[in-house]
């Protein structure tokens, strides 16, 4: 029984790590009273420039104010860094 719990934990942790490495992000949308919204995007890449110079993100799974997103061109950000900052 404990082996299965450990295996499931390992699979979950590695899945989150690989998702983040490939550019995946966790998104939170805060609606403001004036009709606008703040969008908070959490990625493992801290120094990404905002679009249009950096990658833009598209949500693929949304649940209320939370979402999972990937770069819209499906190109991981580390490839842009390897090319000298060309996203």
C-alpha atoms as a PDB file:
ATOM      1  CA  UNK A   1       0.000   0.000   0.000  1.00  0.00           C
ATOM      2  CA  UNK A   2       2.760   2.452   0.933  1.00  0.00           C
ATOM      3  CA  UNK A   3       4.597   1.630  -2.305  1.00  0.00           C
ATOM      4  CA  UNK A   4       1.568   2.761  -4.331  1.00  0.00           C
ATOM      5  CA  UNK A   5       1.314   6.022  -2.407  1.00  0.00           C
ATOM      6  CA  UNK A   6       5.001   6.730  -3.013  1.00  0.00           C
ATOM      7  CA  UNK A   7       4.691   5.886  -6.713  1.00  0.00           C
ATOM      8  CA  UNK A   8       1.664   8.139  -7.137  1.00  0.00           C
ATOM      9  CA  UNK A   9       3.457  10.974  -5.321  1.00  0.00           C
ATOM     10  CA  UNK A  10       6.502  10.560  -7.573  1.00  0.00           C
ATOM     11  CA  UNK A  11       4.348  10.597 -10.711  1.00  0.00           C
ATOM     12  CA  UNK A  12       2.497  13.740  -9.579  1.00  0.00           C
ATOM     13  CA  UNK A  13       5.704  15.591  -8.666  1.00  0.00           C
ATOM     14  CA  UNK A  14       7.475  14.679 -11.915  1.00  0.00           C
ATOM     15  CA  UNK A  15       4.402  15.592 -13.967  1.00  0.00           C
ATOM     16  CA  UNK A  16       4.307  19.067 -12.413  1.00  0.00           C
ATOM     17  CA  UNK A  17       8.068  19.495 -12.969  1.00  0.00           C
ATOM     18  CA  UNK A  18       7.913  18.465 -16.628  1.00  0.00           C
ATOM     19  CA  UNK A  19       4.838  20.664 -17.188  1.00  0.00           C
ATOM     20  CA  UNK A  20       6.715  23.651 -15.761  1.00  0.00           C
ATOM     21  CA  UNK A  21       9.916  22.922 -17.689  1.00  0.00           C
ATOM     22  CA  UNK A  22       7.978  22.821 -20.957  1.00  0.00           C
ATOM     23  CA  UNK A  23       6.592  26.287 -20.267  1.00  0.00           C
ATOM     24  CA  UNK A  24       3.362  25.405 -18.497  1.00  0.00           C
ATOM     25  CA  UNK A  25       1.919  27.938 -16.099  1.00  0.00           C
ATOM     26  CA  UNK A  26      -0.701  28.267 -13.407  1.00  0.00           C
ATOM     27  CA  UNK A  27      -3.023  31.241 -13.914  1.00  0.00           C
ATOM     28  CA  UNK A  28      -5.265  33.169 -11.529  1.00  0.00           C
ATOM     29  CA  UNK A  29      -7.695  35.799 -12.816  1.00  0.00           C
ATOM     30  CA  UNK A  30      -8.895  38.471 -10.391  1.00  0.00           C
ATOM     31  CA  UNK A  31     -11.938  40.417 -11.592  1.00  0.00           C
ATOM     32  CA  UNK A  32     -11.883  44.098 -10.635  1.00  0.00           C
ATOM     33  CA  UNK A  33     -14.943  46.247  -9.857  1.00  0.00           C
ATOM     34  CA  UNK A  34     -14.438  48.476 -12.935  1.00  0.00           C
ATOM     35  CA  UNK A  35     -14.878  45.541 -15.349  1.00  0.00           C
ATOM     36  CA  UNK A  36     -11.175  44.931 -15.917  1.00  0.00           C
ATOM     37  CA  UNK A  37      -9.102  42.102 -14.452  1.00  0.00           C
ATOM     38  CA  UNK A  38      -5.643  41.289 -13.116  1.00  0.00           C
ATOM     39  CA  UNK A  39      -4.056  38.165 -14.502  1.00  0.00           C
ATOM     40  CA  UNK A  40      -1.430  36.432 -12.370  1.00  0.00           C
ATOM     41  CA  UNK A  41       0.725  33.881 -14.218  1.00  0.00           C
ATOM     42  CA  UNK A  42       3.017  31.617 -12.202  1.00  0.00           C
ATOM     43  CA  UNK A  43       5.765  29.856 -14.163  1.00  0.00           C
ATOM     44  CA  UNK A  44       9.144  28.433 -13.253  1.00  0.00           C
ATOM     45  CA  UNK A  45      10.702  31.034 -15.599  1.00  0.00           C
ATOM     46  CA  UNK A  46      10.948  34.178 -13.442  1.00  0.00           C
ATOM     47  CA  UNK A  47      12.537  36.589 -15.919  1.00  0.00           C
ATOM     48  CA  UNK A  48      10.379  36.151 -19.007  1.00  0.00           C
ATOM     49  CA  UNK A  49       9.571  39.447 -20.703  1.00  0.00           C
ATOM     50  CA  UNK A  50       5.868  40.142 -21.297  1.00  0.00           C
ATOM     51  CA  UNK A  51       4.345  39.779 -24.768  1.00  0.00           C
ATOM     52  CA  UNK A  52       5.007  40.721 -27.549  1.00  0.00           C
ATOM     53  CA  UNK A  53       8.737  40.300 -26.806  1.00  0.00           C
ATOM     54  CA  UNK A  54       8.176  37.278 -24.571  1.00  0.00           C
ATOM     55  CA  UNK A  55       5.823  34.339 -25.024  1.00  0.00           C
ATOM     56  CA  UNK A  56       2.088  34.815 -24.696  1.00  0.00           C
ATOM     57  CA  UNK A  57       0.085  32.195 -22.832  1.00  0.00           C
ATOM     58  CA  UNK A  58      -3.174  30.515 -23.836  1.00  0.00           C
ATOM     59  CA  UNK A  59      -5.372  28.763 -21.288  1.00  0.00           C
ATOM     60  CA  UNK A  60      -6.205  25.160 -22.097  1.00  0.00           C
ATOM     61  CA  UNK A  61      -7.987  24.180 -18.882  1.00  0.00           C
ATOM     62  CA  UNK A  62     -10.077  26.650 -16.874  1.00  0.00           C
ATOM     63  CA  UNK A  63     -11.911  26.175 -13.578  1.00  0.00           C
ATOM     64  CA  UNK A  64     -13.486  29.388 -12.308  1.00  0.00           C
ATOM     65  CA  UNK A  65     -10.784  31.963 -11.653  1.00  0.00           C
ATOM     66  CA  UNK A  66      -7.975  29.389 -12.061  1.00  0.00           C
ATOM     67  CA  UNK A  67      -6.469  27.956 -15.226  1.00  0.00           C
ATOM     68  CA  UNK A  68      -3.597  25.973 -16.684  1.00  0.00           C
ATOM     69  CA  UNK A  69      -1.843  27.560 -19.634  1.00  0.00           C
ATOM     70  CA  UNK A  70       0.902  26.889 -22.158  1.00  0.00           C
ATOM     71  CA  UNK A  71       2.726  29.221 -24.544  1.00  0.00           C
ATOM     72  CA  UNK A  72       0.399  29.854 -27.500  1.00  0.00           C
ATOM     73  CA  UNK A  73       3.037  28.706 -30.004  1.00  0.00           C
ATOM     74  CA  UNK A  74       3.760  25.598 -27.854  1.00  0.00           C
ATOM     75  CA  UNK A  75       7.469  26.513 -27.873  1.00  0.00           C
ATOM     76  CA  UNK A  76       9.100  26.118 -24.421  1.00  0.00           C
ATOM     77  CA  UNK A  77      10.713  29.355 -23.155  1.00  0.00           C
ATOM     78  CA  UNK A  78      14.122  27.748 -22.661  1.00  0.00           C
ATOM     79  CA  UNK A  79      14.418  27.426 -26.463  1.00  0.00           C
ATOM     80  CA  UNK A  80      14.114  31.216 -26.740  1.00  0.00           C
ATOM     81  CA  UNK A  81      16.862  31.660 -24.166  1.00  0.00           C
ATOM     82  CA  UNK A  82      19.121  29.266 -26.086  1.00  0.00           C
ATOM     83  CA  UNK A  83      18.556  31.389 -29.208  1.00  0.00           C
ATOM     84  CA  UNK A  84      19.670  34.565 -27.451  1.00  0.00           C
ATOM     85  CA  UNK A  85      16.300  35.795 -26.177  1.00  0.00           C
ATOM     86  CA  UNK A  86      14.320  35.265 -29.394  1.00  0.00           C
ATOM     87  CA  UNK A  87      10.939  34.009 -28.284  1.00  0.00           C
END
